């Protein structure tokens, strides 16, 4: 039960430590993060809603919290569109920092 949420929390746990340890500065640049997150949520959220409405996409009720958004999308699916890009950006910036290729002010 709650497997989807557990996976999302696991992804966050594996990526969020990069912020304080490597000081990648992703969370401090919240405006830039929003510029990435908003289009992802809008585009892929719409895509999901269309797929759900067409019957091409569904969710196992036993694996989600049971909080359903309009259109039949579970809350975890919306969180997926926020968590995965955040983890990807944290990972990317961590690699840039370690390799010494971070932007110089």
PDB file of N, CA and C in Angstrom:
ATOM      1  N   UNK A   1       0.835  -1.180   0.000  1.00  0.00           N
ATOM      2  CA  UNK A   1       0.000   0.000   0.000  1.00  0.00           C
ATOM      3  C   UNK A   1       0.891   1.260   0.000  1.00  0.00           C
ATOM      4  N   UNK A   2       0.430   2.288  -0.655  1.00  0.00           N
ATOM      5  CA  UNK A   2       1.148   3.562  -0.747  1.00  0.00           C
ATOM      6  C   UNK A   2       2.500   3.425  -1.432  1.00  0.00           C
ATOM      7  N   UNK A   3       2.616   2.471  -2.327  1.00  0.00           N
ATOM      8  CA  UNK A   3       3.890   2.217  -2.997  1.00  0.00           C
ATOM      9  C   UNK A   3       4.352   3.418  -3.822  1.00  0.00           C
ATOM     10  N   UNK A   4       3.431   4.072  -4.501  1.00  0.00           N
ATOM     11  CA  UNK A   4       3.795   5.206  -5.359  1.00  0.00           C
ATOM     12  C   UNK A   4       4.429   6.312  -4.516  1.00  0.00           C
ATOM     13  N   UNK A   5       3.808   6.637  -3.398  1.00  0.00           N
ATOM     14  CA  UNK A   5       4.345   7.669  -2.508  1.00  0.00           C
ATOM     15  C   UNK A   5       5.703   7.251  -1.948  1.00  0.00           C
ATOM     16  N   UNK A   6       5.846   5.976  -1.616  1.00  0.00           N
ATOM     17  CA  UNK A   6       7.116   5.475  -1.082  1.00  0.00           C
ATOM     18  C   UNK A   6       8.244   5.632  -2.101  1.00  0.00           C
ATOM     19  N   UNK A   7       7.953   5.360  -3.357  1.00  0.00           N
ATOM     20  CA  UNK A   7       8.968   5.519  -4.408  1.00  0.00           C
ATOM     21  C   UNK A   7       9.361   6.985  -4.552  1.00  0.00           C
ATOM     22  N   UNK A   8       8.380   7.873  -4.528  1.00  0.00           N
ATOM     23  CA  UNK A   8       8.677   9.306  -4.632  1.00  0.00           C
ATOM     24  C   UNK A   8       9.520   9.783  -3.451  1.00  0.00           C
ATOM     25  N   UNK A   9       9.171   9.346  -2.259  1.00  0.00           N
ATOM     26  CA  UNK A   9       9.954   9.720  -1.073  1.00  0.00           C
ATOM     27  C   UNK A   9      11.364   9.144  -1.145  1.00  0.00           C
ATOM     28  N   UNK A  10      11.504   7.932  -1.680  1.00  0.00           N
ATOM     29  CA  UNK A  10      12.827   7.339  -1.864  1.00  0.00           C
ATOM     30  C   UNK A  10      13.675   8.144  -2.841  1.00  0.00           C
ATOM     31  N   UNK A  11      13.047   8.594  -3.926  1.00  0.00           N
ATOM     32  CA  UNK A  11      13.764   9.436  -4.901  1.00  0.00           C
ATOM     33  C   UNK A  11      14.240  10.731  -4.248  1.00  0.00           C
ATOM     34  N   UNK A  12      13.360  11.344  -3.478  1.00  0.00           N
ATOM     35  CA  UNK A  12      13.747  12.581  -2.787  1.00  0.00           C
ATOM     36  C   UNK A  12      14.885  12.333  -1.801  1.00  0.00           C
ATOM     37  N   UNK A  13      14.790  11.245  -1.054  1.00  0.00           N
ATOM     38  CA  UNK A  13      15.836  10.930  -0.070  1.00  0.00           C
ATOM     39  C   UNK A  13      17.185  10.727  -0.750  1.00  0.00           C
ATOM     40  N   UNK A  14      17.153  10.127  -1.930  1.00  0.00           N
ATOM     41  CA  UNK A  14      18.406   9.868  -2.647  1.00  0.00           C
ATOM     42  C   UNK A  14      18.995  11.123  -3.280  1.00  0.00           C
ATOM     43  N   UNK A  15      18.191  12.169  -3.468  1.00  0.00           N
ATOM     44  CA  UNK A  15      18.676  13.361  -4.157  1.00  0.00           C
ATOM     45  C   UNK A  15      18.833  14.584  -3.256  1.00  0.00           C
ATOM     46  N   UNK A  16      17.989  14.730  -2.258  1.00  0.00           N
ATOM     47  CA  UNK A  16      18.007  15.963  -1.461  1.00  0.00           C
ATOM     48  C   UNK A  16      19.295  16.167  -0.663  1.00  0.00           C
ATOM     49  N   UNK A  17      19.990  15.088  -0.343  1.00  0.00           N
ATOM     50  CA  UNK A  17      21.234  15.243   0.417  1.00  0.00           C
ATOM     51  C   UNK A  17      22.293  16.004  -0.381  1.00  0.00           C
ATOM     52  N   UNK A  18      22.132  16.039  -1.700  1.00  0.00           N
ATOM     53  CA  UNK A  18      23.102  16.742  -2.536  1.00  0.00           C
ATOM     54  C   UNK A  18      23.123  18.239  -2.254  1.00  0.00           C
ATOM     55  N   UNK A  19      21.961  18.768  -1.863  1.00  0.00           N
ATOM     56  CA  UNK A  19      21.850  20.206  -1.607  1.00  0.00           C
ATOM     57  C   UNK A  19      22.757  20.649  -0.449  1.00  0.00           C
ATOM     58  N   UNK A  20      22.636  20.070   0.735  1.00  0.00           N
ATOM     59  CA  UNK A  20      23.494  20.549   1.829  1.00  0.00           C
ATOM     60  C   UNK A  20      24.936  20.036   1.761  1.00  0.00           C
ATOM     61  N   UNK A  21      25.128  18.837   1.239  1.00  0.00           N
ATOM     62  CA  UNK A  21      26.475  18.259   1.243  1.00  0.00           C
ATOM     63  C   UNK A  21      27.356  18.885   0.170  1.00  0.00           C
ATOM     64  N   UNK A  22      26.849  18.956  -1.049  1.00  0.00           N
ATOM     65  CA  UNK A  22      27.635  19.527  -2.147  1.00  0.00           C
ATOM     66  C   UNK A  22      27.337  21.001  -2.394  1.00  0.00           C
ATOM     67  N   UNK A  23      26.343  21.514  -1.694  1.00  0.00           N
ATOM     68  CA  UNK A  23      25.943  22.921  -1.840  1.00  0.00           C
ATOM     69  C   UNK A  23      25.708  23.298  -3.305  1.00  0.00           C
ATOM     70  N   UNK A  24      24.835  22.537  -3.955  1.00  0.00           N
ATOM     71  CA  UNK A  24      24.574  22.788  -5.369  1.00  0.00           C
ATOM     72  C   UNK A  24      23.696  24.019  -5.593  1.00  0.00           C
ATOM     73  N   UNK A  25      22.954  24.473  -4.591  1.00  0.00           N
ATOM     74  CA  UNK A  25      22.196  25.715  -4.680  1.00  0.00           C
ATOM     75  C   UNK A  25      20.906  25.656  -5.479  1.00  0.00           C
ATOM     76  N   UNK A  26      20.397  24.466  -5.732  1.00  0.00           N
ATOM     77  CA  UNK A  26      19.174  24.347  -6.526  1.00  0.00           C
ATOM     78  C   UNK A  26      17.978  24.918  -5.775  1.00  0.00           C
ATOM     79  N   UNK A  27      17.830  24.592  -4.525  1.00  0.00           N
ATOM     80  CA  UNK A  27      16.662  25.036  -3.764  1.00  0.00           C
ATOM     81  C   UNK A  27      16.709  26.532  -3.454  1.00  0.00           C
ATOM     82  N   UNK A  28      17.896  27.103  -3.431  1.00  0.00           N
ATOM     83  CA  UNK A  28      18.004  28.555  -3.220  1.00  0.00           C
ATOM     84  C   UNK A  28      17.542  29.331  -4.440  1.00  0.00           C
ATOM     85  N   UNK A  29      17.584  28.717  -5.590  1.00  0.00           N
ATOM     86  CA  UNK A  29      17.171  29.365  -6.836  1.00  0.00           C
ATOM     87  C   UNK A  29      15.744  28.930  -7.179  1.00  0.00           C
ATOM     88  N   UNK A  30      14.829  29.173  -6.276  1.00  0.00           N
ATOM     89  CA  UNK A  30      13.474  28.654  -6.404  1.00  0.00           C
ATOM     90  C   UNK A  30      12.729  29.227  -7.613  1.00  0.00           C
ATOM     91  N   UNK A  31      13.052  30.437  -8.028  1.00  0.00           N
ATOM     92  CA  UNK A  31      12.381  30.998  -9.211  1.00  0.00           C
ATOM     93  C   UNK A  31      12.755  30.212 -10.466  1.00  0.00           C
ATOM     94  N   UNK A  32      14.025  29.875 -10.593  1.00  0.00           N
ATOM     95  CA  UNK A  32      14.474  29.085 -11.741  1.00  0.00           C
ATOM     96  C   UNK A  32      13.867  27.692 -11.693  1.00  0.00           C
ATOM     97  N   UNK A  33      13.755  27.158 -10.488  1.00  0.00           N
ATOM     98  CA  UNK A  33      13.151  25.841 -10.317  1.00  0.00           C
ATOM     99  C   UNK A  33      11.682  25.867 -10.743  1.00  0.00           C
ATOM    100  N   UNK A  34      10.989  26.926 -10.405  1.00  0.00           N
ATOM    101  CA  UNK A  34       9.591  27.073 -10.825  1.00  0.00           C
ATOM    102  C   UNK A  34       9.471  27.182 -12.347  1.00  0.00           C
ATOM    103  N   UNK A  35      10.430  27.862 -12.974  1.00  0.00           N
ATOM    104  CA  UNK A  35      10.405  27.974 -14.437  1.00  0.00           C
ATOM    105  C   UNK A  35      10.525  26.619 -15.121  1.00  0.00           C
ATOM    106  N   UNK A  36      11.140  25.677 -14.448  1.00  0.00           N
ATOM    107  CA  UNK A  36      11.242  24.313 -14.968  1.00  0.00           C
ATOM    108  C   UNK A  36      10.011  23.503 -14.575  1.00  0.00           C
ATOM    109  N   UNK A  37       9.590  23.619 -13.326  1.00  0.00           N
ATOM    110  CA  UNK A  37       8.522  22.770 -12.796  1.00  0.00           C
ATOM    111  C   UNK A  37       7.155  23.078 -13.404  1.00  0.00           C
ATOM    112  N   UNK A  38       6.823  24.336 -13.561  1.00  0.00           N
ATOM    113  CA  UNK A  38       5.480  24.696 -14.037  1.00  0.00           C
ATOM    114  C   UNK A  38       5.192  24.132 -15.428  1.00  0.00           C
ATOM    115  N   UNK A  39       6.074  24.305 -16.416  1.00  0.00           N
ATOM    116  CA  UNK A  39       5.780  23.710 -17.728  1.00  0.00           C
ATOM    117  C   UNK A  39       5.680  22.180 -17.682  1.00  0.00           C
ATOM    118  N   UNK A  40       6.515  21.550 -16.875  1.00  0.00           N
ATOM    119  CA  UNK A  40       6.467  20.084 -16.759  1.00  0.00           C
ATOM    120  C   UNK A  40       5.111  19.652 -16.217  1.00  0.00           C
ATOM    121  N   UNK A  41       4.661  20.283 -15.142  1.00  0.00           N
ATOM    122  CA  UNK A  41       3.370  19.935 -14.544  1.00  0.00           C
ATOM    123  C   UNK A  41       2.240  20.187 -15.536  1.00  0.00           C
ATOM    124  N   UNK A  42       2.264  21.317 -16.215  1.00  0.00           N
ATOM    125  CA  UNK A  42       1.187  21.642 -17.150  1.00  0.00           C
ATOM    126  C   UNK A  42       1.136  20.680 -18.338  1.00  0.00           C
ATOM    127  N   UNK A  43       2.271  20.475 -18.976  1.00  0.00           N
ATOM    128  CA  UNK A  43       2.296  19.639 -20.180  1.00  0.00           C
ATOM    129  C   UNK A  43       2.017  18.179 -19.849  1.00  0.00           C
ATOM    130  N   UNK A  44       2.761  17.616 -18.919  1.00  0.00           N
ATOM    131  CA  UNK A  44       2.580  16.200 -18.626  1.00  0.00           C
ATOM    132  C   UNK A  44       1.306  15.928 -17.828  1.00  0.00           C
ATOM    133  N   UNK A  45       0.864  16.917 -17.039  1.00  0.00           N
ATOM    134  CA  UNK A  45      -0.418  16.773 -16.356  1.00  0.00           C
ATOM    135  C   UNK A  45      -1.557  16.703 -17.362  1.00  0.00           C
ATOM    136  N   UNK A  46      -1.530  17.583 -18.360  1.00  0.00           N
ATOM    137  CA  UNK A  46      -2.552  17.557 -19.410  1.00  0.00           C
ATOM    138  C   UNK A  46      -2.501  16.244 -20.188  1.00  0.00           C
ATOM    139  N   UNK A  47      -1.287  15.797 -20.486  1.00  0.00           N
ATOM    140  CA  UNK A  47      -1.116  14.540 -21.215  1.00  0.00           C
ATOM    141  C   UNK A  47      -1.723  13.388 -20.407  1.00  0.00           C
ATOM    142  N   UNK A  48      -1.432  13.339 -19.133  1.00  0.00           N
ATOM    143  CA  UNK A  48      -1.990  12.297 -18.276  1.00  0.00           C
ATOM    144  C   UNK A  48      -3.512  12.359 -18.235  1.00  0.00           C
ATOM    145  N   UNK A  49      -4.052  13.568 -18.077  1.00  0.00           N
ATOM    146  CA  UNK A  49      -5.510  13.709 -18.015  1.00  0.00           C
ATOM    147  C   UNK A  49      -6.168  13.237 -19.303  1.00  0.00           C
ATOM    148  N   UNK A  50      -5.556  13.546 -20.436  1.00  0.00           N
ATOM    149  CA  UNK A  50      -6.093  13.061 -21.713  1.00  0.00           C
ATOM    150  C   UNK A  50      -6.019  11.538 -21.802  1.00  0.00           C
ATOM    151  N   UNK A  51      -4.917  10.972 -21.363  1.00  0.00           N
ATOM    152  CA  UNK A  51      -4.767   9.511 -21.396  1.00  0.00           C
ATOM    153  C   UNK A  51      -5.745   8.834 -20.438  1.00  0.00           C
ATOM    154  N   UNK A  52      -5.972   9.422 -19.283  1.00  0.00           N
ATOM    155  CA  UNK A  52      -6.938   8.876 -18.329  1.00  0.00           C
ATOM    156  C   UNK A  52      -8.342   8.929 -18.926  1.00  0.00           C
ATOM    157  N   UNK A  53      -8.701  10.082 -19.505  1.00  0.00           N
ATOM    158  CA  UNK A  53     -10.035  10.248 -20.096  1.00  0.00           C
ATOM    159  C   UNK A  53     -10.274   9.275 -21.248  1.00  0.00           C
ATOM    160  N   UNK A  54      -9.215   8.974 -22.002  1.00  0.00           N
ATOM    161  CA  UNK A  54      -9.335   8.058 -23.136  1.00  0.00           C
ATOM    162  C   UNK A  54      -9.292   6.590 -22.700  1.00  0.00           C
ATOM    163  N   UNK A  55      -9.000   6.353 -21.438  1.00  0.00           N
ATOM    164  CA  UNK A  55      -8.922   4.973 -20.955  1.00  0.00           C
ATOM    165  C   UNK A  55      -7.601   4.290 -21.240  1.00  0.00           C
ATOM    166  N   UNK A  56      -6.596   5.056 -21.641  1.00  0.00           N
ATOM    167  CA  UNK A  56      -5.280   4.486 -21.941  1.00  0.00           C
ATOM    168  C   UNK A  56      -4.390   4.394 -20.708  1.00  0.00           C
ATOM    169  N   UNK A  57      -4.757   5.068 -19.652  1.00  0.00           N
ATOM    170  CA  UNK A  57      -3.913   5.192 -18.474  1.00  0.00           C
ATOM    171  C   UNK A  57      -4.793   5.035 -17.245  1.00  0.00           C
ATOM    172  N   UNK A  58      -4.337   4.243 -16.307  1.00  0.00           N
ATOM    173  CA  UNK A  58      -5.102   4.077 -15.068  1.00  0.00           C
ATOM    174  C   UNK A  58      -4.136   3.860 -13.913  1.00  0.00           C
ATOM    175  N   UNK A  59      -4.667   3.854 -12.712  1.00  0.00           N
ATOM    176  CA  UNK A  59      -3.843   3.734 -11.514  1.00  0.00           C
ATOM    177  C   UNK A  59      -4.439   2.678 -10.594  1.00  0.00           C
ATOM    178  N   UNK A  60      -3.577   1.915  -9.978  1.00  0.00           N
ATOM    179  CA  UNK A  60      -3.996   0.882  -9.038  1.00  0.00           C
ATOM    180  C   UNK A  60      -4.406   1.553  -7.728  1.00  0.00           C
ATOM    181  N   UNK A  61      -5.672   1.467  -7.393  1.00  0.00           N
ATOM    182  CA  UNK A  61      -6.191   2.124  -6.193  1.00  0.00           C
ATOM    183  C   UNK A  61      -5.510   1.627  -4.922  1.00  0.00           C
ATOM    184  N   UNK A  62      -4.984   0.432  -4.938  1.00  0.00           N
ATOM    185  CA  UNK A  62      -4.316  -0.116  -3.757  1.00  0.00           C
ATOM    186  C   UNK A  62      -2.918   0.450  -3.561  1.00  0.00           C
ATOM    187  N   UNK A  63      -2.371   1.108  -4.563  1.00  0.00           N
ATOM    188  CA  UNK A  63      -0.994   1.608  -4.493  1.00  0.00           C
ATOM    189  C   UNK A  63      -0.892   3.107  -4.266  1.00  0.00           C
ATOM    190  N   UNK A  64      -2.030   3.791  -4.202  1.00  0.00           N
ATOM    191  CA  UNK A  64      -2.020   5.246  -4.037  1.00  0.00           C
ATOM    192  C   UNK A  64      -2.761   5.623  -2.760  1.00  0.00           C
ATOM    193  N   UNK A  65      -2.578   6.869  -2.342  1.00  0.00           N
ATOM    194  CA  UNK A  65      -3.191   7.357  -1.100  1.00  0.00           C
ATOM    195  C   UNK A  65      -4.712   7.383  -1.145  1.00  0.00           C
ATOM    196  N   UNK A  66      -5.266   7.602  -2.309  1.00  0.00           N
ATOM    197  CA  UNK A  66      -6.710   7.726  -2.430  1.00  0.00           C
ATOM    198  C   UNK A  66      -7.165   9.171  -2.538  1.00  0.00           C
ATOM    199  N   UNK A  67      -6.211  10.089  -2.679  1.00  0.00           N
ATOM    200  CA  UNK A  67      -6.540  11.502  -2.902  1.00  0.00           C
ATOM    201  C   UNK A  67      -6.540  11.700  -4.417  1.00  0.00           C
ATOM    202  N   UNK A  68      -7.730  11.939  -4.953  1.00  0.00           N
ATOM    203  CA  UNK A  68      -7.895  12.035  -6.400  1.00  0.00           C
ATOM    204  C   UNK A  68      -8.134  13.480  -6.815  1.00  0.00           C
ATOM    205  N   UNK A  69      -7.399  13.921  -7.795  1.00  0.00           N
ATOM    206  CA  UNK A  69      -7.543  15.266  -8.345  1.00  0.00           C
ATOM    207  C   UNK A  69      -8.607  15.238  -9.442  1.00  0.00           C
ATOM    208  N   UNK A  70      -9.096  16.386  -9.838  1.00  0.00           N
ATOM    209  CA  UNK A  70     -10.066  16.416 -10.930  1.00  0.00           C
ATOM    210  C   UNK A  70      -9.520  15.703 -12.174  1.00  0.00           C
ATOM    211  N   UNK A  71     -10.363  14.945 -12.820  1.00  0.00           N
ATOM    212  CA  UNK A  71      -9.959  14.189 -14.004  1.00  0.00           C
ATOM    213  C   UNK A  71      -9.514  12.777 -13.688  1.00  0.00           C
ATOM    214  N   UNK A  72      -9.511  12.413 -12.410  1.00  0.00           N
ATOM    215  CA  UNK A  72      -9.141  11.044 -12.039  1.00  0.00           C
ATOM    216  C   UNK A  72      -7.657  10.807 -11.839  1.00  0.00           C
ATOM    217  N   UNK A  73      -6.888  11.873 -11.631  1.00  0.00           N
ATOM    218  CA  UNK A  73      -5.448  11.738 -11.409  1.00  0.00           C
ATOM    219  C   UNK A  73      -5.172  11.673  -9.906  1.00  0.00           C
ATOM    220  N   UNK A  74      -4.406  10.681  -9.470  1.00  0.00           N
ATOM    221  CA  UNK A  74      -4.064  10.638  -8.052  1.00  0.00           C
ATOM    222  C   UNK A  74      -3.038  11.719  -7.695  1.00  0.00           C
ATOM    223  N   UNK A  75      -3.045  12.134  -6.468  1.00  0.00           N
ATOM    224  CA  UNK A  75      -2.121  13.165  -5.990  1.00  0.00           C
ATOM    225  C   UNK A  75      -0.672  12.789  -6.276  1.00  0.00           C
ATOM    226  N   UNK A  76      -0.345  11.518  -6.130  1.00  0.00           N
ATOM    227  CA  UNK A  76       1.037  11.077  -6.349  1.00  0.00           C
ATOM    228  C   UNK A  76       1.509  11.339  -7.774  1.00  0.00           C
ATOM    229  N   UNK A  77       0.600  11.280  -8.726  1.00  0.00           N
ATOM    230  CA  UNK A  77       0.989  11.529 -10.119  1.00  0.00           C
ATOM    231  C   UNK A  77       1.411  12.985 -10.303  1.00  0.00           C
ATOM    232  N   UNK A  78       0.683  13.891  -9.689  1.00  0.00           N
ATOM    233  CA  UNK A  78       1.076  15.299  -9.724  1.00  0.00           C
ATOM    234  C   UNK A  78       2.424  15.489  -9.024  1.00  0.00           C
ATOM    235  N   UNK A  79       2.593  14.843  -7.879  1.00  0.00           N
ATOM    236  CA  UNK A  79       3.865  14.934  -7.153  1.00  0.00           C
ATOM    237  C   UNK A  79       5.016  14.367  -7.978  1.00  0.00           C
ATOM    238  N   UNK A  80       4.736  13.337  -8.777  1.00  0.00           N
ATOM    239  CA  UNK A  80       5.749  12.750  -9.653  1.00  0.00           C
ATOM    240  C   UNK A  80       6.337  13.807 -10.577  1.00  0.00           C
ATOM    241  N   UNK A  81       5.459  14.674 -11.113  1.00  0.00           N
ATOM    242  CA  UNK A  81       5.910  15.704 -12.051  1.00  0.00           C
ATOM    243  C   UNK A  81       6.696  16.807 -11.361  1.00  0.00           C
ATOM    244  N   UNK A  82       6.678  16.853 -10.066  1.00  0.00           N
ATOM    245  CA  UNK A  82       7.495  17.798  -9.304  1.00  0.00           C
ATOM    246  C   UNK A  82       8.777  17.141  -8.786  1.00  0.00           C
ATOM    247  N   UNK A  83       8.643  15.924  -8.280  1.00  0.00           N
ATOM    248  CA  UNK A  83       9.770  15.231  -7.639  1.00  0.00           C
ATOM    249  C   UNK A  83      10.828  14.808  -8.652  1.00  0.00           C
ATOM    250  N   UNK A  84      10.420  14.197  -9.735  1.00  0.00           N
ATOM    251  CA  UNK A  84      11.398  13.666 -10.693  1.00  0.00           C
ATOM    252  C   UNK A  84      12.237  14.781 -11.332  1.00  0.00           C
ATOM    253  N   UNK A  85      11.637  15.871 -11.800  1.00  0.00           N
ATOM    254  CA  UNK A  85      12.496  16.949 -12.314  1.00  0.00           C
ATOM    255  C   UNK A  85      13.420  17.537 -11.245  1.00  0.00           C
ATOM    256  N   UNK A  86      12.925  17.680 -10.010  1.00  0.00           N
ATOM    257  CA  UNK A  86      13.773  18.189  -8.934  1.00  0.00           C
ATOM    258  C   UNK A  86      14.966  17.269  -8.712  1.00  0.00           C
ATOM    259  N   UNK A  87      14.731  15.974  -8.665  1.00  0.00           N
ATOM    260  CA  UNK A  87      15.827  15.020  -8.473  1.00  0.00           C
ATOM    261  C   UNK A  87      16.805  15.061  -9.640  1.00  0.00           C
ATOM    262  N   UNK A  88      16.287  15.195 -10.853  1.00  0.00           N
ATOM    263  CA  UNK A  88      17.152  15.265 -12.028  1.00  0.00           C
ATOM    264  C   UNK A  88      18.027  16.517 -11.993  1.00  0.00           C
ATOM    265  N   UNK A  89      17.439  17.642 -11.632  1.00  0.00           N
ATOM    266  CA  UNK A  89      18.200  18.893 -11.569  1.00  0.00           C
ATOM    267  C   UNK A  89      19.249  18.820 -10.466  1.00  0.00           C
ATOM    268  N   UNK A  90      18.881  18.293  -9.313  1.00  0.00           N
ATOM    269  CA  UNK A  90      19.853  18.139  -8.227  1.00  0.00           C
ATOM    270  C   UNK A  90      21.014  17.254  -8.664  1.00  0.00           C
ATOM    271  N   UNK A  91      20.705  16.156  -9.334  1.00  0.00           N
ATOM    272  CA  UNK A  91      21.757  15.260  -9.818  1.00  0.00           C
ATOM    273  C   UNK A  91      22.650  15.925 -10.852  1.00  0.00           C
ATOM    274  N   UNK A  92      22.032  16.626 -11.779  1.00  0.00           N
ATOM    275  CA  UNK A  92      22.790  17.322 -12.824  1.00  0.00           C
ATOM    276  C   UNK A  92      23.725  18.366 -12.223  1.00  0.00           C
ATOM    277  N   UNK A  93      23.192  19.171 -11.324  1.00  0.00           N
ATOM    278  CA  UNK A  93      24.013  20.219 -10.709  1.00  0.00           C
ATOM    279  C   UNK A  93      25.110  19.632  -9.828  1.00  0.00           C
ATOM    280  N   UNK A  94      24.842  18.509  -9.197  1.00  0.00           N
ATOM    281  CA  UNK A  94      25.874  17.847  -8.389  1.00  0.00           C
ATOM    282  C   UNK A  94      27.015  17.356  -9.273  1.00  0.00           C
ATOM    283  N   UNK A  95      26.680  16.790 -10.410  1.00  0.00           N
ATOM    284  CA  UNK A  95      27.726  16.323 -11.336  1.00  0.00           C
ATOM    285  C   UNK A  95      28.533  17.510 -11.845  1.00  0.00           C
ATOM    286  N   UNK A  96      27.847  18.599 -12.208  1.00  0.00           N
ATOM    287  CA  UNK A  96      28.573  19.797 -12.652  1.00  0.00           C
ATOM    288  C   UNK A  96      29.511  20.306 -11.571  1.00  0.00           C
ATOM    289  N   UNK A  97      29.052  20.304 -10.355  1.00  0.00           N
ATOM    290  CA  UNK A  97      29.873  20.809  -9.244  1.00  0.00           C
ATOM    291  C   UNK A  97      31.101  19.919  -9.035  1.00  0.00           C
ATOM    292  N   UNK A  98      30.874  18.617  -9.018  1.00  0.00           N
ATOM    293  CA  UNK A  98      31.980  17.675  -8.787  1.00  0.00           C
ATOM    294  C   UNK A  98      33.002  17.746  -9.910  1.00  0.00           C
ATOM    295  N   UNK A  99      32.539  17.910 -11.122  1.00  0.00           N
ATOM    296  CA  UNK A  99      33.463  17.987 -12.256  1.00  0.00           C
ATOM    297  C   UNK A  99      34.076  19.374 -12.422  1.00  0.00           C
ATOM    298  N   UNK A 100      33.632  20.330 -11.592  1.00  0.00           N
ATOM    299  CA  UNK A 100      34.203  21.657 -11.652  1.00  0.00           C
ATOM    300  C   UNK A 100      33.719  22.502 -12.803  1.00  0.00           C
ATOM    301  N   UNK A 101      32.535  22.186 -13.312  1.00  0.00           N
ATOM    302  CA  UNK A 101      32.020  22.916 -14.461  1.00  0.00           C
ATOM    303  C   UNK A 101      30.851  23.799 -14.106  1.00  0.00           C
ATOM    304  N   UNK A 102      30.668  24.076 -12.843  1.00  0.00           N
ATOM    305  CA  UNK A 102      29.563  24.949 -12.422  1.00  0.00           C
ATOM    306  C   UNK A 102      29.794  26.360 -12.942  1.00  0.00           C
ATOM    307  N   UNK A 103      28.698  27.079 -13.165  1.00  0.00           N
ATOM    308  CA  UNK A 103      28.809  28.454 -13.626  1.00  0.00           C
ATOM    309  C   UNK A 103      29.612  29.285 -12.628  1.00  0.00           C
ATOM    310  N   UNK A 104      30.434  30.129 -13.132  1.00  0.00           N
ATOM    311  CA  UNK A 104      31.200  31.042 -12.290  1.00  0.00           C
ATOM    312  C   UNK A 104      30.496  32.397 -12.282  1.00  0.00           C
ATOM    313  N   UNK A 105      30.231  32.950 -11.108  1.00  0.00           N
ATOM    314  CA  UNK A 105      29.569  34.263 -11.074  1.00  0.00           C
ATOM    315  C   UNK A 105      30.448  35.366 -11.606  1.00  0.00           C
TER     316      UNK A 105
END
